[in-house]
N, C-alpha and C. Protein backbone atom coordinates (compact mmCIF):
# COMPACT_ATOMS: atom_id res chain seq x y z
N MET A 1 -4.84 5.88 -13.59
CA MET A 1 -4.13 6.13 -12.38
C MET A 1 -4.03 7.63 -12.20
N SER A 2 -3.75 8.05 -11.00
CA SER A 2 -3.64 9.47 -10.69
C SER A 2 -2.27 9.78 -10.11
N VAL A 3 -1.75 10.94 -10.46
CA VAL A 3 -0.52 11.44 -9.86
C VAL A 3 -0.78 12.86 -9.38
N ASN A 4 -0.11 13.25 -8.33
CA ASN A 4 -0.28 14.60 -7.80
C ASN A 4 0.57 15.58 -8.58
N GLY A 5 0.00 16.74 -8.86
CA GLY A 5 0.75 17.79 -9.52
C GLY A 5 0.78 17.67 -11.03
N VAL A 6 1.54 18.58 -11.64
CA VAL A 6 1.69 18.63 -13.09
C VAL A 6 3.05 18.03 -13.42
N HIS A 7 3.07 17.10 -14.35
CA HIS A 7 4.31 16.42 -14.71
C HIS A 7 4.60 16.61 -16.19
N GLU A 8 5.47 17.56 -16.48
CA GLU A 8 5.83 17.85 -17.88
C GLU A 8 6.52 16.65 -18.52
N ASP A 9 7.29 15.88 -17.74
CA ASP A 9 7.98 14.72 -18.30
C ASP A 9 7.00 13.65 -18.75
N LEU A 10 5.86 13.52 -18.07
CA LEU A 10 4.84 12.55 -18.50
C LEU A 10 4.08 13.06 -19.72
N LYS A 11 3.90 14.37 -19.82
CA LYS A 11 3.23 14.92 -21.01
C LYS A 11 3.99 14.58 -22.28
N THR A 12 5.30 14.56 -22.21
CA THR A 12 6.10 14.26 -23.40
C THR A 12 6.00 12.80 -23.80
N ARG A 13 5.53 11.93 -22.92
CA ARG A 13 5.42 10.50 -23.21
C ARG A 13 4.05 10.15 -23.80
N PHE A 14 3.16 11.09 -23.92
CA PHE A 14 1.81 10.86 -24.43
C PHE A 14 1.84 10.68 -25.95
N GLY A 15 1.06 9.69 -26.44
CA GLY A 15 0.88 9.50 -27.88
C GLY A 15 2.04 8.85 -28.60
N ARG A 16 2.82 8.05 -27.92
CA ARG A 16 3.96 7.37 -28.55
C ARG A 16 3.50 6.15 -29.33
N GLU A 17 4.36 5.65 -30.20
CA GLU A 17 4.09 4.46 -31.00
C GLU A 17 4.44 3.21 -30.20
N PRO A 18 3.78 2.06 -30.51
CA PRO A 18 4.16 0.81 -29.85
C PRO A 18 5.65 0.52 -30.06
N GLY A 19 6.30 0.10 -29.00
CA GLY A 19 7.74 -0.12 -29.02
C GLY A 19 8.48 1.00 -28.30
N ASP A 20 7.88 2.18 -28.26
CA ASP A 20 8.47 3.31 -27.53
C ASP A 20 7.75 3.41 -26.19
N TRP A 21 7.95 2.39 -25.36
CA TRP A 21 7.20 2.22 -24.12
C TRP A 21 7.62 3.24 -23.06
N THR A 22 6.70 3.54 -22.18
CA THR A 22 6.96 4.37 -21.02
C THR A 22 6.98 3.47 -19.79
N THR A 23 8.02 3.57 -18.99
CA THR A 23 8.16 2.76 -17.78
C THR A 23 8.09 3.67 -16.57
N ILE A 24 7.22 3.31 -15.62
CA ILE A 24 7.14 4.06 -14.37
C ILE A 24 7.29 3.08 -13.22
N ALA A 25 7.74 3.59 -12.09
CA ALA A 25 7.91 2.77 -10.89
C ALA A 25 7.25 3.48 -9.72
N TYR A 26 6.64 2.69 -8.85
CA TYR A 26 5.98 3.19 -7.65
C TYR A 26 6.65 2.51 -6.45
N TYR A 27 7.07 3.30 -5.48
CA TYR A 27 7.74 2.76 -4.30
C TYR A 27 6.91 3.06 -3.07
N GLU A 28 6.86 2.11 -2.16
CA GLU A 28 6.04 2.26 -0.97
C GLU A 28 6.75 1.59 0.20
N ALA A 29 6.70 2.20 1.37
CA ALA A 29 7.23 1.59 2.59
C ALA A 29 6.06 1.34 3.53
N LEU A 30 5.86 0.09 3.89
CA LEU A 30 4.76 -0.30 4.76
C LEU A 30 5.30 -0.67 6.13
N LEU A 31 4.60 -0.26 7.18
CA LEU A 31 5.00 -0.58 8.54
C LEU A 31 4.04 -1.59 9.12
N ASN A 32 4.54 -2.78 9.44
CA ASN A 32 3.75 -3.84 10.07
C ASN A 32 3.89 -3.65 11.58
N VAL A 33 2.87 -3.07 12.22
CA VAL A 33 2.96 -2.71 13.63
C VAL A 33 2.93 -3.93 14.53
N PHE A 34 2.10 -4.91 14.21
CA PHE A 34 2.00 -6.14 15.00
C PHE A 34 2.37 -7.33 14.12
N PRO A 35 3.66 -7.60 13.91
CA PRO A 35 4.05 -8.71 13.04
C PRO A 35 3.63 -10.05 13.63
N ALA A 36 3.27 -10.97 12.76
CA ALA A 36 2.84 -12.31 13.19
C ALA A 36 4.04 -13.16 13.53
N ASN A 37 3.84 -14.08 14.48
CA ASN A 37 4.91 -15.02 14.81
C ASN A 37 4.81 -16.23 13.89
N SER A 38 5.56 -17.27 14.15
CA SER A 38 5.60 -18.43 13.25
C SER A 38 4.28 -19.18 13.18
N THR A 39 3.41 -19.01 14.18
CA THR A 39 2.10 -19.69 14.15
C THR A 39 1.04 -18.84 13.47
N GLY A 40 1.38 -17.61 13.09
CA GLY A 40 0.43 -16.74 12.41
C GLY A 40 -0.33 -15.82 13.34
N GLU A 41 -0.08 -15.89 14.64
CA GLU A 41 -0.78 -15.02 15.60
C GLU A 41 -0.02 -13.70 15.74
N ALA A 42 -0.79 -12.63 15.96
CA ALA A 42 -0.17 -11.32 16.12
C ALA A 42 0.56 -11.26 17.45
N ASN A 43 1.77 -10.75 17.43
CA ASN A 43 2.60 -10.65 18.63
C ASN A 43 2.74 -9.18 18.98
N ALA A 44 1.96 -8.71 19.97
CA ALA A 44 1.93 -7.30 20.32
C ALA A 44 3.25 -6.83 20.92
N SER A 45 4.05 -7.72 21.47
CA SER A 45 5.30 -7.31 22.11
C SER A 45 6.47 -7.24 21.12
N ALA A 46 6.28 -7.72 19.91
CA ALA A 46 7.35 -7.70 18.90
C ALA A 46 7.54 -6.29 18.35
N SER A 47 8.75 -6.00 17.91
CA SER A 47 9.02 -4.68 17.34
C SER A 47 8.44 -4.60 15.92
N PRO A 48 8.01 -3.40 15.52
CA PRO A 48 7.43 -3.24 14.17
C PRO A 48 8.44 -3.59 13.08
N GLN A 49 7.91 -4.05 11.94
CA GLN A 49 8.75 -4.41 10.80
C GLN A 49 8.43 -3.48 9.63
N LEU A 50 9.47 -3.07 8.93
CA LEU A 50 9.30 -2.22 7.75
C LEU A 50 9.37 -3.10 6.51
N LYS A 51 8.35 -3.02 5.67
CA LYS A 51 8.31 -3.80 4.44
C LYS A 51 8.30 -2.84 3.26
N GLY A 52 9.06 -3.18 2.22
CA GLY A 52 9.13 -2.34 1.03
C GLY A 52 8.36 -2.96 -0.11
N ARG A 53 7.71 -2.12 -0.91
CA ARG A 53 6.94 -2.59 -2.06
C ARG A 53 7.34 -1.74 -3.27
N THR A 54 7.50 -2.41 -4.40
CA THR A 54 7.82 -1.73 -5.66
C THR A 54 6.89 -2.26 -6.74
N VAL A 55 6.28 -1.35 -7.49
CA VAL A 55 5.43 -1.72 -8.62
C VAL A 55 6.02 -1.05 -9.86
N ILE A 56 6.24 -1.85 -10.90
CA ILE A 56 6.77 -1.35 -12.17
C ILE A 56 5.73 -1.58 -13.26
N LEU A 57 5.45 -0.55 -14.04
CA LEU A 57 4.46 -0.61 -15.12
C LEU A 57 5.12 -0.09 -16.39
N LYS A 58 4.94 -0.84 -17.48
CA LYS A 58 5.52 -0.45 -18.77
C LYS A 58 4.44 -0.58 -19.84
N GLY A 59 4.18 0.49 -20.56
CA GLY A 59 3.15 0.47 -21.58
C GLY A 59 3.10 1.80 -22.33
N LEU A 60 1.96 2.05 -22.96
CA LEU A 60 1.75 3.29 -23.70
C LEU A 60 0.81 4.20 -22.93
N LEU A 61 1.17 5.46 -22.82
CA LEU A 61 0.34 6.46 -22.17
C LEU A 61 -0.59 7.05 -23.23
N ASN A 62 -1.90 6.77 -23.11
CA ASN A 62 -2.86 7.18 -24.15
C ASN A 62 -3.68 8.41 -23.82
N ASN A 63 -3.82 8.74 -22.55
CA ASN A 63 -4.65 9.88 -22.18
C ASN A 63 -4.01 10.58 -21.00
N PHE A 64 -4.03 11.90 -21.05
CA PHE A 64 -3.42 12.73 -20.01
C PHE A 64 -4.40 13.84 -19.70
N GLU A 65 -5.03 13.80 -18.53
CA GLU A 65 -5.99 14.84 -18.14
C GLU A 65 -5.43 15.58 -16.93
N GLN A 66 -5.01 16.79 -17.17
CA GLN A 66 -4.42 17.58 -16.09
C GLN A 66 -5.52 18.13 -15.19
N GLY A 67 -5.29 18.08 -13.88
CA GLY A 67 -6.23 18.65 -12.93
C GLY A 67 -6.18 20.16 -13.01
N GLY A 68 -7.05 20.79 -12.27
CA GLY A 68 -7.10 22.25 -12.28
C GLY A 68 -5.84 22.88 -11.73
N VAL A 69 -5.58 24.11 -12.17
CA VAL A 69 -4.42 24.86 -11.70
C VAL A 69 -4.90 26.22 -11.22
N LYS A 70 -4.45 26.59 -10.01
CA LYS A 70 -4.78 27.90 -9.47
C LYS A 70 -3.47 28.60 -9.16
N GLY A 71 -3.18 29.66 -9.89
CA GLY A 71 -1.88 30.30 -9.75
C GLY A 71 -0.81 29.39 -10.33
N GLN A 72 0.12 28.99 -9.50
CA GLN A 72 1.16 28.06 -9.94
C GLN A 72 1.03 26.71 -9.26
N LYS A 73 -0.11 26.47 -8.61
CA LYS A 73 -0.30 25.21 -7.89
C LYS A 73 -1.41 24.39 -8.51
N SER A 74 -1.21 23.10 -8.49
CA SER A 74 -2.23 22.17 -8.99
C SER A 74 -3.31 22.02 -7.92
N THR A 75 -4.57 22.05 -8.34
CA THR A 75 -5.67 21.91 -7.39
C THR A 75 -6.30 20.54 -7.42
N ALA A 76 -5.91 19.70 -8.36
CA ALA A 76 -6.46 18.34 -8.46
C ALA A 76 -5.40 17.42 -9.05
N ALA A 77 -5.64 16.13 -8.89
CA ALA A 77 -4.70 15.13 -9.40
C ALA A 77 -4.74 15.07 -10.92
N THR A 78 -3.62 14.71 -11.51
CA THR A 78 -3.53 14.50 -12.95
C THR A 78 -3.88 13.05 -13.25
N ARG A 79 -4.82 12.83 -14.15
CA ARG A 79 -5.28 11.47 -14.48
C ARG A 79 -4.53 10.96 -15.71
N LEU A 80 -4.04 9.72 -15.60
CA LEU A 80 -3.33 9.07 -16.70
C LEU A 80 -4.08 7.81 -17.11
N ARG A 81 -4.18 7.57 -18.41
CA ARG A 81 -4.79 6.33 -18.90
C ARG A 81 -3.75 5.60 -19.74
N TRP A 82 -3.55 4.32 -19.40
CA TRP A 82 -2.56 3.48 -20.05
C TRP A 82 -3.23 2.46 -20.94
N SER A 83 -2.52 2.02 -21.99
CA SER A 83 -2.97 0.90 -22.81
C SER A 83 -1.74 0.13 -23.26
N SER A 84 -1.98 -1.00 -23.88
CA SER A 84 -0.88 -1.85 -24.36
C SER A 84 0.16 -2.07 -23.27
N ILE A 85 -0.28 -2.47 -22.09
CA ILE A 85 0.64 -2.73 -20.99
C ILE A 85 1.39 -4.02 -21.29
N VAL A 86 2.71 -3.93 -21.37
CA VAL A 86 3.53 -5.10 -21.69
C VAL A 86 4.26 -5.64 -20.47
N LEU A 87 4.29 -4.88 -19.37
CA LEU A 87 4.93 -5.35 -18.14
C LEU A 87 4.25 -4.74 -16.93
N TYR A 88 3.87 -5.61 -16.00
CA TYR A 88 3.40 -5.19 -14.68
C TYR A 88 4.09 -6.10 -13.68
N GLN A 89 4.82 -5.51 -12.75
CA GLN A 89 5.54 -6.31 -11.75
C GLN A 89 5.32 -5.70 -10.37
N ASP A 90 4.87 -6.52 -9.43
CA ASP A 90 4.61 -6.10 -8.05
C ASP A 90 5.52 -6.92 -7.14
N MET A 91 6.45 -6.23 -6.45
CA MET A 91 7.39 -6.92 -5.57
C MET A 91 7.21 -6.44 -4.13
N MET A 92 7.30 -7.37 -3.19
CA MET A 92 7.24 -7.05 -1.77
C MET A 92 8.49 -7.61 -1.12
N ASP A 93 9.30 -6.76 -0.53
CA ASP A 93 10.57 -7.15 0.10
C ASP A 93 11.46 -7.95 -0.84
N GLY A 94 11.52 -7.56 -2.11
CA GLY A 94 12.39 -8.22 -3.08
C GLY A 94 11.83 -9.48 -3.68
N LYS A 95 10.67 -9.95 -3.22
CA LYS A 95 10.05 -11.16 -3.76
C LYS A 95 8.94 -10.75 -4.73
N VAL A 96 8.95 -11.34 -5.93
CA VAL A 96 7.93 -11.02 -6.93
C VAL A 96 6.62 -11.68 -6.53
N ILE A 97 5.60 -10.86 -6.30
CA ILE A 97 4.27 -11.35 -5.92
C ILE A 97 3.43 -11.56 -7.18
N HIS A 98 3.38 -10.53 -8.03
CA HIS A 98 2.64 -10.60 -9.29
C HIS A 98 3.53 -10.08 -10.41
N LYS A 99 3.46 -10.74 -11.56
CA LYS A 99 4.20 -10.27 -12.73
C LYS A 99 3.49 -10.72 -13.99
N PHE A 100 3.33 -9.76 -14.90
CA PHE A 100 2.74 -10.01 -16.20
C PHE A 100 3.69 -9.38 -17.21
N ASP A 101 4.38 -10.21 -17.99
CA ASP A 101 5.38 -9.72 -18.93
C ASP A 101 5.14 -10.36 -20.29
N ILE A 102 4.59 -9.59 -21.22
CA ILE A 102 4.29 -10.09 -22.56
C ILE A 102 5.57 -10.44 -23.32
N GLN A 103 6.57 -9.59 -23.25
CA GLN A 103 7.77 -9.76 -24.05
C GLN A 103 8.58 -10.99 -23.66
N ASN A 104 8.54 -11.38 -22.39
CA ASN A 104 9.29 -12.56 -21.93
C ASN A 104 8.37 -13.73 -21.59
N ASN A 105 7.09 -13.63 -21.91
CA ASN A 105 6.11 -14.69 -21.66
C ASN A 105 6.16 -15.17 -20.21
N THR A 106 5.89 -14.24 -19.28
CA THR A 106 5.93 -14.56 -17.86
C THR A 106 4.62 -14.16 -17.20
N LEU A 107 4.05 -15.08 -16.42
CA LEU A 107 2.86 -14.79 -15.63
C LEU A 107 3.06 -15.38 -14.24
N ILE A 108 3.16 -14.50 -13.24
CA ILE A 108 3.31 -14.91 -11.85
C ILE A 108 2.14 -14.32 -11.08
N ILE A 109 1.40 -15.18 -10.38
CA ILE A 109 0.26 -14.75 -9.57
C ILE A 109 0.46 -15.31 -8.17
N ASN A 110 0.44 -14.43 -7.17
CA ASN A 110 0.67 -14.81 -5.76
C ASN A 110 1.95 -15.62 -5.59
N GLY A 111 3.00 -15.26 -6.32
CA GLY A 111 4.29 -15.91 -6.19
C GLY A 111 4.44 -17.20 -6.97
N VAL A 112 3.39 -17.66 -7.66
CA VAL A 112 3.44 -18.92 -8.42
C VAL A 112 3.66 -18.58 -9.90
N ASN A 113 4.72 -19.13 -10.49
CA ASN A 113 5.04 -18.89 -11.89
C ASN A 113 4.27 -19.89 -12.75
N TYR A 114 3.24 -19.41 -13.43
CA TYR A 114 2.38 -20.28 -14.24
C TYR A 114 2.96 -20.58 -15.62
N THR A 115 4.01 -19.89 -16.02
CA THR A 115 4.58 -20.09 -17.35
C THR A 115 5.96 -20.74 -17.32
N ALA A 116 6.48 -21.08 -16.15
CA ALA A 116 7.84 -21.63 -16.05
C ALA A 116 7.97 -22.94 -16.80
N GLU A 117 7.03 -23.86 -16.62
CA GLU A 117 7.12 -25.17 -17.28
C GLU A 117 7.01 -25.02 -18.79
N PHE A 118 6.08 -24.19 -19.26
CA PHE A 118 5.90 -23.96 -20.68
C PHE A 118 7.16 -23.36 -21.30
N ASN A 119 7.75 -22.37 -20.63
CA ASN A 119 8.97 -21.74 -21.14
C ASN A 119 10.14 -22.71 -21.17
N ASN A 120 10.21 -23.63 -20.20
CA ASN A 120 11.27 -24.65 -20.20
C ASN A 120 11.11 -25.60 -21.38
N LEU A 121 9.87 -25.96 -21.73
CA LEU A 121 9.63 -26.83 -22.88
C LEU A 121 10.04 -26.17 -24.18
N ILE A 122 9.76 -24.87 -24.30
CA ILE A 122 10.10 -24.14 -25.52
C ILE A 122 11.62 -24.03 -25.68
N SER A 123 12.33 -23.79 -24.59
CA SER A 123 13.78 -23.59 -24.68
C SER A 123 14.55 -24.90 -24.82
N ALA A 124 13.90 -26.04 -24.57
CA ALA A 124 14.61 -27.33 -24.64
C ALA A 124 14.85 -27.80 -26.05
């Protein structure tokens, strides 16, 4: 993944041991200019809708490649390489769309929880 600028706080998270995970969050606001009506057709007369998206990633930061620096400004994006990802969660408007959680044995794809029945059997 890439981030803009130089991030000293991310440099300190490089090379950690398993269990000392780094968690980052990405926030996005999306504007739906032509929201669909109940039949799925675009309604040009409807007011735009603002949708929020949040992505959470938890794992180990294994590689940190800083972009070029000219003076005191970054001239390129900083590249990060992750491994041992133990949590990935993608939410849209508060609803979990995708989730991969090793520690809690959870797998959600397109809003469908594929591990719910298995986890219920284990806890019974």
